[in-house]
C-alpha atoms as a PDB file:
ATOM      1  CA  MET A   1     -22.125  22.086 198.378  1.00  0.00           C
ATOM      2  CA  GLN A   2     -21.251  24.352 195.004  1.00  0.00           C
ATOM      3  CA  GLU A   3     -20.451  27.007 197.059  1.00  0.00           C
ATOM      4  CA  PHE A   4     -17.196  24.933 198.809  1.00  0.00           C
ATOM      5  CA  LEU A   5     -16.410  23.650 195.299  1.00  0.00           C
ATOM      6  CA  GLU A   6     -16.580  27.408 194.148  1.00  0.00           C
ATOM      7  CA  ALA A   7     -13.721  28.831 197.048  1.00  0.00           C
ATOM      8  CA  LEU A   8     -11.843  25.404 196.692  1.00  0.00           C
ATOM      9  CA  ALA A   9     -10.814  25.730 192.672  1.00  0.00           C
ATOM     10  CA  PRO A  10      -8.731  29.245 193.620  1.00  0.00           C
ATOM     11  CA  ALA A  11      -6.585  27.660 195.683  1.00  0.00           C
ATOM     12  CA  SER A  12      -5.797  24.934 194.416  1.00  0.00           C
ATOM     13  CA  PHE A  13      -4.966  27.259 191.097  1.00  0.00           C
ATOM     14  CA  ALA A  14      -2.351  28.339 193.875  1.00  0.00           C
ATOM     15  CA  LEU A  15      -1.123  25.376 195.177  1.00  0.00           C
ATOM     16  CA  VAL A  16      -0.411  23.553 191.480  1.00  0.00           C
ATOM     17  CA  VAL A  17       1.603  27.749 191.107  1.00  0.00           C
ATOM     18  CA  LEU A  18       2.919  27.283 194.464  1.00  0.00           C
ATOM     19  CA  LEU A  19       4.655  24.059 192.907  1.00  0.00           C
ATOM     20  CA  PHE A  20       5.834  25.239 189.823  1.00  0.00           C
ATOM     21  CA  LEU A  21       7.475  27.832 191.342  1.00  0.00           C
ATOM     22  CA  ILE A  22       9.219  25.771 193.986  1.00  0.00           C
ATOM     23  CA  GLY A  23      10.263  23.052 191.260  1.00  0.00           C
ATOM     24  CA  ILE A  24      11.598  26.171 188.856  1.00  0.00           C
ATOM     25  CA  VAL A  25      13.618  26.866 191.975  1.00  0.00           C
ATOM     26  CA  ALA A  26      14.972  23.614 193.043  1.00  0.00           C
ATOM     27  CA  TYR A  27      16.073  22.883 189.100  1.00  0.00           C
ATOM     28  CA  PHE A  28      18.609  25.937 188.919  1.00  0.00           C
ATOM     29  CA  PHE A  29      20.099  25.374 192.719  1.00  0.00           C
ATOM     30  CA  SER A  30      20.774  21.861 191.017  1.00  0.00           C
ATOM     31  CA  ALA A  31      21.448  22.926 187.538  1.00  0.00           C
ATOM     32  CA  LYS A  32      24.198  25.521 189.507  1.00  0.00           C
ATOM     33  CA  LYS A  33      25.403  22.625 191.910  1.00  0.00           C
ATOM     34  CA  THR A  34      26.173  19.967 188.735  1.00  0.00           C
ATOM     35  CA  LYS A  35      28.050  23.302 187.017  1.00  0.00           C
ATOM     36  CA  GLN A  36      30.715  23.582 189.778  1.00  0.00           C
ATOM     37  CA  GLN A  37      31.353  19.940 189.960  1.00  0.00           C
ATOM     38  CA  LYS A  38      31.610  20.236 186.610  1.00  0.00           C
ATOM     39  CA  LYS A  39      34.079  22.349 186.765  1.00  0.00           C
ATOM     40  CA  HIS A  40      35.749  21.196 189.758  1.00  0.00           C
ATOM     41  CA  PHE A  41      36.195  18.054 188.425  1.00  0.00           C
ATOM     42  CA  GLU A  42      38.267  19.628 185.011  1.00  0.00           C
ATOM     43  CA  LYS A  43      40.421  21.048 187.338  1.00  0.00           C
ATOM     44  CA  LEU A  44      41.315  18.127 188.991  1.00  0.00           C
ATOM     45  CA  HIS A  45      42.138  15.908 185.500  1.00  0.00           C
ATOM     46  CA  LYS A  46      44.202  18.881 184.274  1.00  0.00           C
ATOM     47  CA  LYS A  47      46.485  19.194 187.462  1.00  0.00           C
ATOM     48  CA  LEU A  48      47.007  14.801 187.501  1.00  0.00           C
ATOM     49  CA  ALA A  49      50.217  14.386 186.975  1.00  0.00           C
ATOM     50  CA  PRO A  50      52.624  11.857 188.162  1.00  0.00           C
ATOM     51  CA  GLY A  51      53.468  12.040 191.814  1.00  0.00           C
ATOM     52  CA  LYS A  52      50.480  13.545 192.740  1.00  0.00           C
ATOM     53  CA  HIS A  53      48.583  12.578 195.936  1.00  0.00           C
ATOM     54  CA  ILE A  54      44.847  11.486 195.767  1.00  0.00           C
ATOM     55  CA  MET A  55      42.246   9.772 196.725  1.00  0.00           C
ATOM     56  CA  PHE A  56      39.942   7.812 194.758  1.00  0.00           C
ATOM     57  CA  CYS A  57      35.969   6.999 195.511  1.00  0.00           C
ATOM     58  CA  GLY A  58      35.950   4.523 198.690  1.00  0.00           C
ATOM     59  CA  GLY A  59      38.704   7.126 200.623  1.00  0.00           C
ATOM     60  CA  ILE A  60      41.863   5.068 199.703  1.00  0.00           C
ATOM     61  CA  PHE A  61      45.074   7.422 198.915  1.00  0.00           C
ATOM     62  CA  GLY A  62      48.142   7.134 196.738  1.00  0.00           C
ATOM     63  CA  THR A  63      50.536   8.044 194.152  1.00  0.00           C
ATOM     64  CA  VAL A  64      49.886   8.604 190.659  1.00  0.00           C
ATOM     65  CA  ARG A  65      52.423   6.640 188.892  1.00  0.00           C
ATOM     66  CA  SER A  66      51.339   6.875 185.130  1.00  0.00           C
ATOM     67  CA  VAL A  67      48.136   8.974 183.833  1.00  0.00           C
ATOM     68  CA  LYS A  68      46.379   7.792 181.031  1.00  0.00           C
ATOM     69  CA  PRO A  69      43.421   9.049 178.305  1.00  0.00           C
ATOM     70  CA  ASP A  70      41.006   7.153 180.560  1.00  0.00           C
ATOM     71  CA  GLU A  71      43.122   5.060 183.271  1.00  0.00           C
ATOM     72  CA  VAL A  72      45.585   5.912 186.337  1.00  0.00           C
ATOM     73  CA  GLU A  73      48.185   3.961 187.705  1.00  0.00           C
ATOM     74  CA  VAL A  74      47.995   4.274 191.551  1.00  0.00           C
ATOM     75  CA  GLU A  75      50.704   3.059 193.820  1.00  0.00           C
ATOM     76  CA  ILE A  76      48.964   3.165 197.202  1.00  0.00           C
ATOM     77  CA  ALA A  77      51.474   0.610 199.217  1.00  0.00           C
ATOM     78  CA  PRO A  78      54.853  -0.209 198.419  1.00  0.00           C
ATOM     79  CA  LYS A  79      55.512  -2.296 194.921  1.00  0.00           C
ATOM     80  CA  THR A  80      51.587  -2.389 194.940  1.00  0.00           C
ATOM     81  CA  VAL A  81      50.829  -0.295 191.949  1.00  0.00           C
ATOM     82  CA  ILE A  82      46.828  -0.307 190.426  1.00  0.00           C
ATOM     83  CA  THR A  83      45.298   0.590 187.758  1.00  0.00           C
ATOM     84  CA  ILE A  84      41.918   2.473 188.030  1.00  0.00           C
ATOM     85  CA  SER A  85      39.448   5.110 185.703  1.00  0.00           C
ATOM     86  CA  ARG A  86      40.367   8.412 186.102  1.00  0.00           C
ATOM     87  CA  TYR A  87      36.837   9.803 187.136  1.00  0.00           C
ATOM     88  CA  ALA A  88      37.321   7.473 190.297  1.00  0.00           C
ATOM     89  CA  ILE A  89      39.608  10.279 191.625  1.00  0.00           C
ATOM     90  CA  GLN A  90      37.795  12.493 193.766  1.00  0.00           C
ATOM     91  CA  THR A  91      40.842  14.607 195.079  1.00  0.00           C
ATOM     92  CA  ILE A  92      44.279  16.023 195.046  1.00  0.00           C
ATOM     93  CA  VAL A  93      45.446  15.372 198.261  1.00  0.00           C
ATOM     94  CA  ASP A  94      47.681  19.002 199.446  1.00  0.00           C
ATOM     95  CA  LYS A  95      49.783  16.439 201.859  1.00  0.00           C
ATOM     96  CA  GLU A  96      51.394  19.570 203.164  1.00  0.00           C
ATOM     97  CA  LYS A  97      48.215  20.747 204.872  1.00  0.00           C
ATOM     98  CA  GLU A  98      48.221  16.861 206.648  1.00  0.00           C
END
Protein backbone atom coordinates (compact mmCIF):
# COMPACT_ATOMS: atom_id res chain seq x y z
CA MET A 1 0.00 0.00 0.00
CA GLN A 2 2.87 2.35 0.84
CA GLU A 3 4.40 1.85 -2.63
CA PHE A 4 1.08 2.69 -4.24
CA LEU A 5 0.79 5.98 -2.32
CA GLU A 6 4.39 6.92 -3.16
CA ALA A 7 3.74 6.31 -6.88
CA LEU A 8 0.49 8.27 -6.73
CA ALA A 9 1.98 11.53 -5.37
CA PRO A 10 3.97 12.56 -8.51
CA ALA A 11 1.00 11.77 -10.76
CA SER A 12 -1.31 13.88 -8.60
CA PHE A 13 1.14 16.77 -8.67
CA ALA A 14 1.42 16.53 -12.47
CA LEU A 15 -2.37 16.57 -12.77
CA VAL A 16 -2.64 19.70 -10.61
CA VAL A 17 0.04 21.45 -12.71
CA LEU A 18 -1.72 20.44 -15.94
CA LEU A 19 -5.09 21.73 -14.71
CA PHE A 20 -3.45 24.99 -13.62
CA LEU A 21 -1.89 25.47 -17.08
CA ILE A 22 -5.21 24.74 -18.81
CA GLY A 23 -6.87 27.33 -16.56
CA ILE A 24 -4.28 29.96 -17.49
CA VAL A 25 -4.71 29.32 -21.22
CA ALA A 26 -8.51 29.50 -20.91
CA TYR A 27 -8.21 32.79 -19.01
CA PHE A 28 -6.11 34.39 -21.75
CA PHE A 29 -8.45 33.27 -24.53
CA SER A 30 -11.38 34.66 -22.55
CA ALA A 31 -9.60 37.96 -21.92
CA LYS A 32 -8.80 38.30 -25.63
CA LYS A 33 -12.43 37.70 -26.61
CA THR A 34 -13.65 40.26 -24.05
CA LYS A 35 -11.20 42.85 -25.36
CA GLN A 36 -12.40 42.28 -28.95
CA GLN A 37 -16.04 42.69 -27.91
CA LYS A 38 -15.24 45.89 -26.05
CA LYS A 39 -13.57 47.37 -29.15
CA HIS A 40 -16.53 46.31 -31.32
CA PHE A 41 -19.07 48.07 -29.08
CA GLU A 42 -16.91 51.19 -28.73
CA LYS A 43 -16.84 51.50 -32.55
CA LEU A 44 -20.58 50.81 -32.74
CA HIS A 45 -21.41 53.56 -30.24
CA LYS A 46 -19.22 56.06 -32.09
CA LYS A 47 -20.98 55.32 -35.41
CA LEU A 48 -24.46 55.51 -33.90
CA ALA A 49 -26.36 58.42 -35.49
CA PRO A 50 -29.89 59.28 -36.65
CA GLY A 51 -30.83 57.46 -39.85
CA LYS A 52 -28.73 54.35 -39.15
CA HIS A 53 -30.50 51.02 -39.51
CA ILE A 54 -29.81 48.87 -36.44
CA MET A 55 -30.60 45.50 -34.90
CA PHE A 56 -30.86 45.32 -31.14
CA CYS A 57 -30.98 42.41 -28.72
CA GLY A 58 -33.92 40.21 -29.46
CA GLY A 59 -33.47 40.55 -33.23
CA ILE A 60 -35.68 43.62 -33.65
CA PHE A 61 -34.69 45.96 -36.48
CA GLY A 62 -35.27 49.68 -36.61
CA THR A 63 -33.99 53.07 -37.68
CA VAL A 64 -32.35 55.44 -35.21
CA ARG A 65 -34.30 58.69 -34.80
CA SER A 66 -32.30 60.33 -31.99
CA VAL A 67 -29.33 59.51 -29.79
CA LYS A 68 -29.02 60.56 -26.14
CA PRO A 69 -26.18 59.72 -23.75
CA ASP A 70 -27.76 56.46 -22.52
CA GLU A 71 -30.89 56.10 -24.67
CA VAL A 72 -31.73 55.82 -28.34
CA GLU A 73 -35.10 56.44 -29.95
CA VAL A 74 -35.73 53.83 -32.63
CA GLU A 75 -38.50 53.69 -35.21
CA ILE A 76 -39.47 50.03 -35.59
CA ALA A 77 -42.53 50.61 -37.81
CA PRO A 78 -44.03 53.67 -39.48
CA LYS A 79 -44.95 56.15 -36.72
CA THR A 80 -43.89 53.66 -33.99
CA VAL A 81 -40.93 54.99 -32.03
CA ILE A 82 -39.57 53.27 -28.94
CA THR A 83 -36.84 54.29 -26.53
CA ILE A 84 -34.15 51.71 -25.76
CA SER A 85 -30.85 51.64 -23.91
CA ARG A 86 -27.98 52.27 -26.30
CA TYR A 87 -26.28 49.24 -24.75
CA ALA A 88 -29.03 46.97 -26.12
CA ILE A 89 -27.93 47.65 -29.69
CA GLN A 90 -26.20 44.63 -31.15
CA THR A 91 -25.13 45.87 -34.57
CA ILE A 92 -25.54 48.53 -37.21
CA VAL A 93 -27.03 46.89 -40.31
CA ASP A 94 -25.66 47.82 -43.72
CA LYS A 95 -28.81 48.15 -45.88
CA GLU A 96 -26.77 47.72 -49.09
CA LYS A 97 -25.86 44.13 -48.10
CA GLU A 98 -29.51 43.08 -47.63
